[in-house]
Amino acid sequence: MNIWLLEDDPAQAELLSHWLVEAGHIVTHYATGAAIMGELGRGGFDLLILDWELPDTSGIEVLADVRATCPGTCPCCLSPSAMRKPTSSAPCPTERTTTW
């Protein structure tokens, strides 16, 4: 599976990438929302793993852009943030979002 990982914390990105590669996946890491959004048009991913909070945006905002740019093309997963105090009170969008 070709997985795009959006994670701004280098240690978290390295750990997640390691686990996923060990499981046989191909991982492309992006550290900012702008970086991954610039690549969305080319596609080529099977799964997106999005960090909840990023320096330049939020995972929710990236998810909304993904849904607009690539409707119905891939599953997305939002990873929890390790932040001590929430910096965003943006609600998770319920339309077109699947929870498990």
C-alpha atoms as a PDB file:
ATOM      1  CA  MET A   1       0.000   0.000   0.000  1.00  0.00           C
ATOM      2  CA  ASN A   2       1.286   3.485  -0.841  1.00  0.00           C
ATOM      3  CA  ILE A   3       0.788   5.626   2.269  1.00  0.00           C
ATOM      4  CA  TRP A   4       1.269   9.381   2.503  1.00  0.00           C
ATOM      5  CA  LEU A   5       2.065  10.452   6.056  1.00  0.00           C
ATOM      6  CA  LEU A   6       1.524  14.061   7.157  1.00  0.00           C
ATOM      7  CA  GLU A   7       3.363  14.549  10.458  1.00  0.00           C
ATOM      8  CA  ASP A   8       5.340  17.599  11.599  1.00  0.00           C
ATOM      9  CA  ASP A   9       7.120  15.913  14.514  1.00  0.00           C
ATOM     10  CA  PRO A  10      10.281  14.272  13.091  1.00  0.00           C
ATOM     11  CA  ALA A  11      10.455  11.589  15.804  1.00  0.00           C
ATOM     12  CA  GLN A  12       6.800  10.608  15.318  1.00  0.00           C
ATOM     13  CA  ALA A  13       7.209  10.591  11.536  1.00  0.00           C
ATOM     14  CA  GLU A  14      10.283   8.368  11.775  1.00  0.00           C
ATOM     15  CA  LEU A  15       8.574   5.928  14.131  1.00  0.00           C
ATOM     16  CA  LEU A  16       5.353   5.678  12.102  1.00  0.00           C
ATOM     17  CA  SER A  17       7.298   5.375   8.849  1.00  0.00           C
ATOM     18  CA  HIS A  18       9.443   2.610  10.319  1.00  0.00           C
ATOM     19  CA  TRP A  19       6.427   0.597  11.468  1.00  0.00           C
ATOM     20  CA  LEU A  20       4.640   1.003   8.161  1.00  0.00           C
ATOM     21  CA  VAL A  21       7.685   0.120   6.049  1.00  0.00           C
ATOM     22  CA  GLU A  22       8.349  -2.923   8.251  1.00  0.00           C
ATOM     23  CA  ALA A  23       4.757  -3.973   7.522  1.00  0.00           C
ATOM     24  CA  GLY A  24       5.519  -3.840   3.788  1.00  0.00           C
ATOM     25  CA  HIS A  25       4.103  -0.436   2.875  1.00  0.00           C
ATOM     26  CA  ILE A  26       5.627   2.407   0.867  1.00  0.00           C
ATOM     27  CA  VAL A  27       5.628   5.632   2.907  1.00  0.00           C
ATOM     28  CA  THR A  28       6.037   9.191   1.682  1.00  0.00           C
ATOM     29  CA  HIS A  29       6.428  11.690   4.515  1.00  0.00           C
ATOM     30  CA  TYR A  30       5.257  15.318   4.427  1.00  0.00           C
ATOM     31  CA  ALA A  31       5.958  17.744   7.276  1.00  0.00           C
ATOM     32  CA  THR A  32       3.471  20.507   6.370  1.00  0.00           C
ATOM     33  CA  GLY A  33      -0.034  20.808   5.035  1.00  0.00           C
ATOM     34  CA  ALA A  34       1.246  22.959   2.172  1.00  0.00           C
ATOM     35  CA  ALA A  35       3.689  20.250   1.101  1.00  0.00           C
ATOM     36  CA  ILE A  36       1.074  17.499   0.900  1.00  0.00           C
ATOM     37  CA  MET A  37      -1.521  19.766  -0.727  1.00  0.00           C
ATOM     38  CA  GLY A  38       0.976  20.571  -3.463  1.00  0.00           C
ATOM     39  CA  GLU A  39       1.201  16.860  -4.280  1.00  0.00           C
ATOM     40  CA  LEU A  40      -2.487  15.888  -4.140  1.00  0.00           C
ATOM     41  CA  GLY A  41      -3.090  16.506  -7.834  1.00  0.00           C
ATOM     42  CA  ARG A  42      -0.608  13.832  -8.844  1.00  0.00           C
ATOM     43  CA  GLY A  43      -2.325  11.171  -6.712  1.00  0.00           C
ATOM     44  CA  GLY A  44      -0.688   7.794  -6.303  1.00  0.00           C
ATOM     45  CA  PHE A  45      -1.647   7.124  -2.689  1.00  0.00           C
ATOM     46  CA  ASP A  46      -3.855   4.460  -1.169  1.00  0.00           C
ATOM     47  CA  LEU A  47      -4.101   5.919   2.315  1.00  0.00           C
ATOM     48  CA  LEU A  48      -3.433   9.277   3.948  1.00  0.00           C
ATOM     49  CA  ILE A  49      -2.450   9.490   7.608  1.00  0.00           C
ATOM     50  CA  LEU A  50      -2.925  13.073   8.766  1.00  0.00           C
ATOM     51  CA  ASP A  51      -1.649  14.677  11.940  1.00  0.00           C
ATOM     52  CA  TRP A  52      -4.372  16.578  13.810  1.00  0.00           C
ATOM     53  CA  GLU A  53      -2.339  19.744  14.463  1.00  0.00           C
ATOM     54  CA  LEU A  54       0.336  21.152  12.155  1.00  0.00           C
ATOM     55  CA  PRO A  55       2.295  24.420  12.122  1.00  0.00           C
ATOM     56  CA  ASP A  56       0.576  25.722   8.989  1.00  0.00           C
ATOM     57  CA  THR A  57      -2.894  24.117   9.131  1.00  0.00           C
ATOM     58  CA  SER A  58      -4.854  21.308  10.764  1.00  0.00           C
ATOM     59  CA  GLY A  59      -5.501  17.753   9.701  1.00  0.00           C
ATOM     60  CA  ILE A  60      -9.201  18.610   9.448  1.00  0.00           C
ATOM     61  CA  GLU A  61      -8.454  21.390   6.946  1.00  0.00           C
ATOM     62  CA  VAL A  62      -6.247  19.066   4.907  1.00  0.00           C
ATOM     63  CA  LEU A  63      -8.984  16.417   5.014  1.00  0.00           C
ATOM     64  CA  ALA A  64     -11.513  18.928   3.666  1.00  0.00           C
ATOM     65  CA  ASP A  65      -9.114  19.829   0.825  1.00  0.00           C
ATOM     66  CA  VAL A  66      -8.506  16.145   0.068  1.00  0.00           C
ATOM     67  CA  ARG A  67     -12.232  15.489  -0.116  1.00  0.00           C
ATOM     68  CA  ALA A  68     -12.670  18.454  -2.500  1.00  0.00           C
ATOM     69  CA  THR A  69      -9.630  17.643  -4.653  1.00  0.00           C
ATOM     70  CA  CYS A  70      -9.892  13.847  -4.744  1.00  0.00           C
ATOM     71  CA  PRO A  71     -13.538  12.996  -4.067  1.00  0.00           C
ATOM     72  CA  GLY A  72     -14.063   9.372  -3.151  1.00  0.00           C
ATOM     73  CA  THR A  73     -10.542   8.299  -4.080  1.00  0.00           C
ATOM     74  CA  CYS A  74      -8.875   7.359  -0.814  1.00  0.00           C
ATOM     75  CA  PRO A  75      -9.380   6.618   2.843  1.00  0.00           C
ATOM     76  CA  CYS A  76      -7.920   9.041   5.362  1.00  0.00           C
ATOM     77  CA  CYS A  77      -6.934   8.601   8.973  1.00  0.00           C
ATOM     78  CA  LEU A  78      -6.465  11.448  11.451  1.00  0.00           C
ATOM     79  CA  SER A  79      -3.859  10.718  14.087  1.00  0.00           C
ATOM     80  CA  PRO A  80      -4.220  12.175  17.566  1.00  0.00           C
ATOM     81  CA  SER A  81      -1.966  14.997  18.595  1.00  0.00           C
ATOM     82  CA  ALA A  82       0.483  14.908  21.477  1.00  0.00           C
ATOM     83  CA  MET A  83      -0.092  18.576  22.271  1.00  0.00           C
ATOM     84  CA  ARG A  84      -0.515  19.493  25.906  1.00  0.00           C
ATOM     85  CA  LYS A  85      -3.164  22.155  25.377  1.00  0.00           C
ATOM     86  CA  PRO A  86      -5.588  22.131  22.458  1.00  0.00           C
ATOM     87  CA  THR A  87      -4.874  24.984  20.072  1.00  0.00           C
ATOM     88  CA  SER A  88      -7.844  24.369  17.848  1.00  0.00           C
ATOM     89  CA  SER A  89     -11.467  24.038  18.726  1.00  0.00           C
ATOM     90  CA  ALA A  90     -12.486  23.179  15.162  1.00  0.00           C
ATOM     91  CA  PRO A  91     -15.083  20.418  15.206  1.00  0.00           C
ATOM     92  CA  CYS A  92     -14.494  17.279  13.211  1.00  0.00           C
ATOM     93  CA  PRO A  93     -16.627  17.449  10.068  1.00  0.00           C
ATOM     94  CA  THR A  94     -19.333  14.823  10.085  1.00  0.00           C
ATOM     95  CA  GLU A  95     -20.305  14.842   6.460  1.00  0.00           C
ATOM     96  CA  ARG A  96     -18.353  12.324   4.415  1.00  0.00           C
ATOM     97  CA  THR A  97     -16.364  11.285   7.471  1.00  0.00           C
ATOM     98  CA  THR A  98     -16.329   7.683   8.636  1.00  0.00           C
ATOM     99  CA  THR A  99     -15.655   6.762  12.231  1.00  0.00           C
ATOM    100  CA  TRP A 100     -14.733   3.360  13.588  1.00  0.00           C
END
